[in-house]
Amino acid sequence: MSMDILQLTKSFPGEEKYSLTDQVRRSSRSVGANLAEAWAKRRYVKSFVAKLIDSQGESFETTHWLDTAIAAKYMD
């Protein structure tokens, strides 16, 4: 998903580089990173669950930024 978002955001306007583009790229990459970290901490239930929750939060943030891009007509 993060690689698809990277390709998609290359067409976003230049004025969005440090706001929308960076935010959606960062949050989409963080989903996978948090899942990887959760897996490494799987023996520690509370840490594992906390990282899964962080991953879900980043996923929701990514959805928000993609919805914003759709509303701005940067993508459909």
N, C-alpha and C. Protein backbone atom coordinates (compact mmCIF):
# COMPACT_ATOMS: atom_id res chain seq x y z
N MET A 1 0.82 -1.19 0.00
CA MET A 1 0.00 0.00 0.00
C MET A 1 0.87 1.26 0.00
N SER A 2 1.90 1.28 0.83
CA SER A 2 2.72 2.49 0.90
C SER A 2 3.41 2.78 -0.43
N MET A 3 3.78 1.75 -1.16
CA MET A 3 4.41 1.98 -2.46
C MET A 3 3.41 2.51 -3.48
N ASP A 4 2.16 2.03 -3.42
CA ASP A 4 1.11 2.57 -4.29
C ASP A 4 0.87 4.05 -3.98
N ILE A 5 0.86 4.39 -2.70
CA ILE A 5 0.65 5.77 -2.29
C ILE A 5 1.81 6.64 -2.75
N LEU A 6 3.02 6.13 -2.65
CA LEU A 6 4.19 6.87 -3.12
C LEU A 6 4.02 7.24 -4.60
N GLN A 7 3.65 6.27 -5.42
CA GLN A 7 3.46 6.52 -6.85
C GLN A 7 2.32 7.51 -7.10
N LEU A 8 1.23 7.32 -6.40
CA LEU A 8 0.06 8.17 -6.57
C LEU A 8 0.36 9.62 -6.20
N THR A 9 1.08 9.82 -5.11
CA THR A 9 1.32 11.19 -4.63
C THR A 9 2.35 11.94 -5.46
N LYS A 10 3.04 11.27 -6.34
CA LYS A 10 3.98 11.96 -7.22
C LYS A 10 3.26 12.95 -8.14
N SER A 11 1.97 12.74 -8.35
CA SER A 11 1.20 13.64 -9.20
C SER A 11 0.51 14.76 -8.43
N PHE A 12 0.66 14.79 -7.10
CA PHE A 12 0.05 15.85 -6.30
C PHE A 12 0.74 17.18 -6.61
N PRO A 13 0.03 18.29 -6.47
CA PRO A 13 0.64 19.60 -6.74
C PRO A 13 1.84 19.88 -5.82
N GLY A 14 2.78 20.65 -6.32
CA GLY A 14 3.98 20.98 -5.57
C GLY A 14 3.70 21.67 -4.25
N GLU A 15 2.64 22.49 -4.21
CA GLU A 15 2.34 23.21 -2.96
C GLU A 15 1.89 22.28 -1.83
N GLU A 16 1.57 21.04 -2.17
CA GLU A 16 1.16 20.06 -1.15
C GLU A 16 2.33 19.22 -0.63
N LYS A 17 3.53 19.46 -1.15
CA LYS A 17 4.68 18.61 -0.80
C LYS A 17 4.91 18.48 0.70
N TYR A 18 4.85 19.58 1.43
CA TYR A 18 5.18 19.53 2.86
C TYR A 18 3.95 19.42 3.75
N SER A 19 2.80 19.22 3.17
CA SER A 19 1.61 19.04 3.98
C SER A 19 0.96 17.71 3.62
N LEU A 20 0.09 17.70 2.69
CA LEU A 20 -0.66 16.49 2.36
C LEU A 20 0.23 15.35 1.87
N THR A 21 1.12 15.63 0.95
CA THR A 21 1.95 14.57 0.37
C THR A 21 2.80 13.89 1.42
N ASP A 22 3.53 14.68 2.20
CA ASP A 22 4.38 14.09 3.24
C ASP A 22 3.58 13.36 4.30
N GLN A 23 2.42 13.91 4.67
CA GLN A 23 1.61 13.29 5.71
C GLN A 23 1.08 11.92 5.29
N VAL A 24 0.55 11.84 4.08
CA VAL A 24 -0.02 10.56 3.64
C VAL A 24 1.08 9.53 3.41
N ARG A 25 2.22 9.97 2.93
CA ARG A 25 3.34 9.03 2.77
C ARG A 25 3.82 8.52 4.12
N ARG A 26 3.99 9.43 5.08
CA ARG A 26 4.48 9.05 6.40
C ARG A 26 3.52 8.09 7.10
N SER A 27 2.24 8.43 7.11
CA SER A 27 1.28 7.57 7.82
C SER A 27 1.14 6.21 7.15
N SER A 28 1.19 6.16 5.82
CA SER A 28 1.06 4.86 5.14
C SER A 28 2.27 3.97 5.41
N ARG A 29 3.45 4.56 5.48
CA ARG A 29 4.65 3.78 5.80
C ARG A 29 4.65 3.31 7.24
N SER A 30 4.07 4.10 8.10
CA SER A 30 4.05 3.78 9.52
C SER A 30 3.17 2.56 9.82
N VAL A 31 2.16 2.32 9.00
CA VAL A 31 1.30 1.14 9.21
C VAL A 31 2.15 -0.12 9.21
N GLY A 32 2.91 -0.32 8.15
CA GLY A 32 3.75 -1.52 8.04
C GLY A 32 4.84 -1.57 9.08
N ALA A 33 5.43 -0.42 9.38
CA ALA A 33 6.49 -0.37 10.39
C ALA A 33 5.97 -0.77 11.76
N ASN A 34 4.78 -0.30 12.10
CA ASN A 34 4.19 -0.66 13.39
C ASN A 34 3.81 -2.14 13.44
N LEU A 35 3.36 -2.68 12.33
CA LEU A 35 3.05 -4.12 12.29
C LEU A 35 4.32 -4.95 12.47
N ALA A 36 5.40 -4.52 11.84
CA ALA A 36 6.67 -5.24 11.99
C ALA A 36 7.15 -5.17 13.44
N GLU A 37 7.03 -4.01 14.04
CA GLU A 37 7.44 -3.86 15.43
C GLU A 37 6.55 -4.67 16.36
N ALA A 38 5.25 -4.72 16.05
CA ALA A 38 4.34 -5.54 16.85
C ALA A 38 4.75 -7.00 16.80
N TRP A 39 5.09 -7.47 15.61
CA TRP A 39 5.49 -8.87 15.47
C TRP A 39 6.73 -9.17 16.30
N ALA A 40 7.67 -8.24 16.32
CA ALA A 40 8.88 -8.43 17.11
C ALA A 40 8.59 -8.48 18.61
N LYS A 41 7.50 -7.86 19.02
CA LYS A 41 7.14 -7.80 20.44
C LYS A 41 6.00 -8.76 20.79
N ARG A 42 5.74 -9.72 19.94
CA ARG A 42 4.58 -10.60 20.11
C ARG A 42 4.59 -11.39 21.40
N ARG A 43 5.75 -11.62 21.99
CA ARG A 43 5.81 -12.37 23.26
C ARG A 43 5.31 -11.55 24.44
N TYR A 44 5.26 -10.23 24.25
CA TYR A 44 4.84 -9.31 25.31
C TYR A 44 3.48 -8.76 24.91
N VAL A 45 2.44 -9.37 25.43
CA VAL A 45 1.08 -9.12 24.96
C VAL A 45 0.72 -7.63 24.95
N LYS A 46 0.99 -6.94 26.03
CA LYS A 46 0.61 -5.52 26.08
C LYS A 46 1.35 -4.69 25.03
N SER A 47 2.63 -4.94 24.84
CA SER A 47 3.40 -4.23 23.82
C SER A 47 2.91 -4.58 22.43
N PHE A 48 2.62 -5.85 22.21
CA PHE A 48 2.11 -6.32 20.93
C PHE A 48 0.80 -5.62 20.58
N VAL A 49 -0.12 -5.63 21.53
CA VAL A 49 -1.43 -5.01 21.31
C VAL A 49 -1.28 -3.50 21.10
N ALA A 50 -0.42 -2.87 21.87
CA ALA A 50 -0.21 -1.42 21.73
C ALA A 50 0.27 -1.08 20.32
N LYS A 51 1.20 -1.86 19.78
CA LYS A 51 1.71 -1.60 18.44
C LYS A 51 0.64 -1.87 17.37
N LEU A 52 -0.20 -2.87 17.61
CA LEU A 52 -1.30 -3.11 16.67
C LEU A 52 -2.27 -1.93 16.67
N ILE A 53 -2.53 -1.38 17.84
CA ILE A 53 -3.40 -0.21 17.95
C ILE A 53 -2.76 0.99 17.25
N ASP A 54 -1.45 1.18 17.43
CA ASP A 54 -0.76 2.26 16.74
C ASP A 54 -0.88 2.09 15.23
N SER A 55 -0.75 0.87 14.75
CA SER A 55 -0.85 0.59 13.33
C SER A 55 -2.25 0.93 12.80
N GLN A 56 -3.25 0.56 13.57
CA GLN A 56 -4.62 0.88 13.17
C GLN A 56 -4.83 2.39 13.13
N GLY A 57 -4.29 3.11 14.10
CA GLY A 57 -4.40 4.56 14.11
C GLY A 57 -3.76 5.19 12.89
N GLU A 58 -2.59 4.71 12.51
CA GLU A 58 -1.92 5.22 11.31
C GLU A 58 -2.72 4.89 10.06
N SER A 59 -3.35 3.73 10.06
CA SER A 59 -4.19 3.36 8.92
C SER A 59 -5.37 4.32 8.79
N PHE A 60 -5.99 4.66 9.91
CA PHE A 60 -7.10 5.62 9.88
C PHE A 60 -6.62 6.99 9.42
N GLU A 61 -5.42 7.38 9.88
CA GLU A 61 -4.86 8.67 9.45
C GLU A 61 -4.62 8.66 7.94
N THR A 62 -4.10 7.57 7.42
CA THR A 62 -3.87 7.45 5.97
C THR A 62 -5.19 7.60 5.22
N THR A 63 -6.22 6.95 5.72
CA THR A 63 -7.55 7.06 5.10
C THR A 63 -8.02 8.51 5.09
N HIS A 64 -7.80 9.21 6.19
CA HIS A 64 -8.19 10.62 6.25
C HIS A 64 -7.47 11.44 5.18
N TRP A 65 -6.14 11.26 5.06
CA TRP A 65 -5.38 12.03 4.08
C TRP A 65 -5.79 11.67 2.65
N LEU A 66 -6.09 10.41 2.40
CA LEU A 66 -6.56 10.02 1.06
C LEU A 66 -7.92 10.63 0.77
N ASP A 67 -8.80 10.67 1.77
CA ASP A 67 -10.10 11.33 1.60
C ASP A 67 -9.92 12.81 1.30
N THR A 68 -8.94 13.43 1.97
CA THR A 68 -8.65 14.84 1.72
C THR A 68 -8.18 15.03 0.28
N ALA A 69 -7.32 14.14 -0.19
CA ALA A 69 -6.83 14.23 -1.57
C ALA A 69 -7.96 14.05 -2.58
N ILE A 70 -8.91 13.19 -2.29
CA ILE A 70 -10.07 13.00 -3.17
C ILE A 70 -10.92 14.28 -3.17
N ALA A 71 -11.15 14.84 -1.99
CA ALA A 71 -11.96 16.06 -1.90
C ALA A 71 -11.31 17.23 -2.65
N ALA A 72 -9.97 17.26 -2.65
CA ALA A 72 -9.25 18.32 -3.37
C ALA A 72 -9.10 18.00 -4.86
N LYS A 73 -9.63 16.85 -5.27
CA LYS A 73 -9.59 16.40 -6.66
C LYS A 73 -8.16 16.13 -7.17
N TYR A 74 -7.28 15.72 -6.25
CA TYR A 74 -5.94 15.30 -6.64
C TYR A 74 -5.93 13.87 -7.11
N MET A 75 -6.98 13.15 -6.78
CA MET A 75 -7.12 11.74 -7.18
C MET A 75 -8.61 11.41 -7.17
N ASP A 76 -8.94 10.28 -7.76
CA ASP A 76 -10.35 9.83 -7.73
C ASP A 76 -10.46 8.42 -7.22
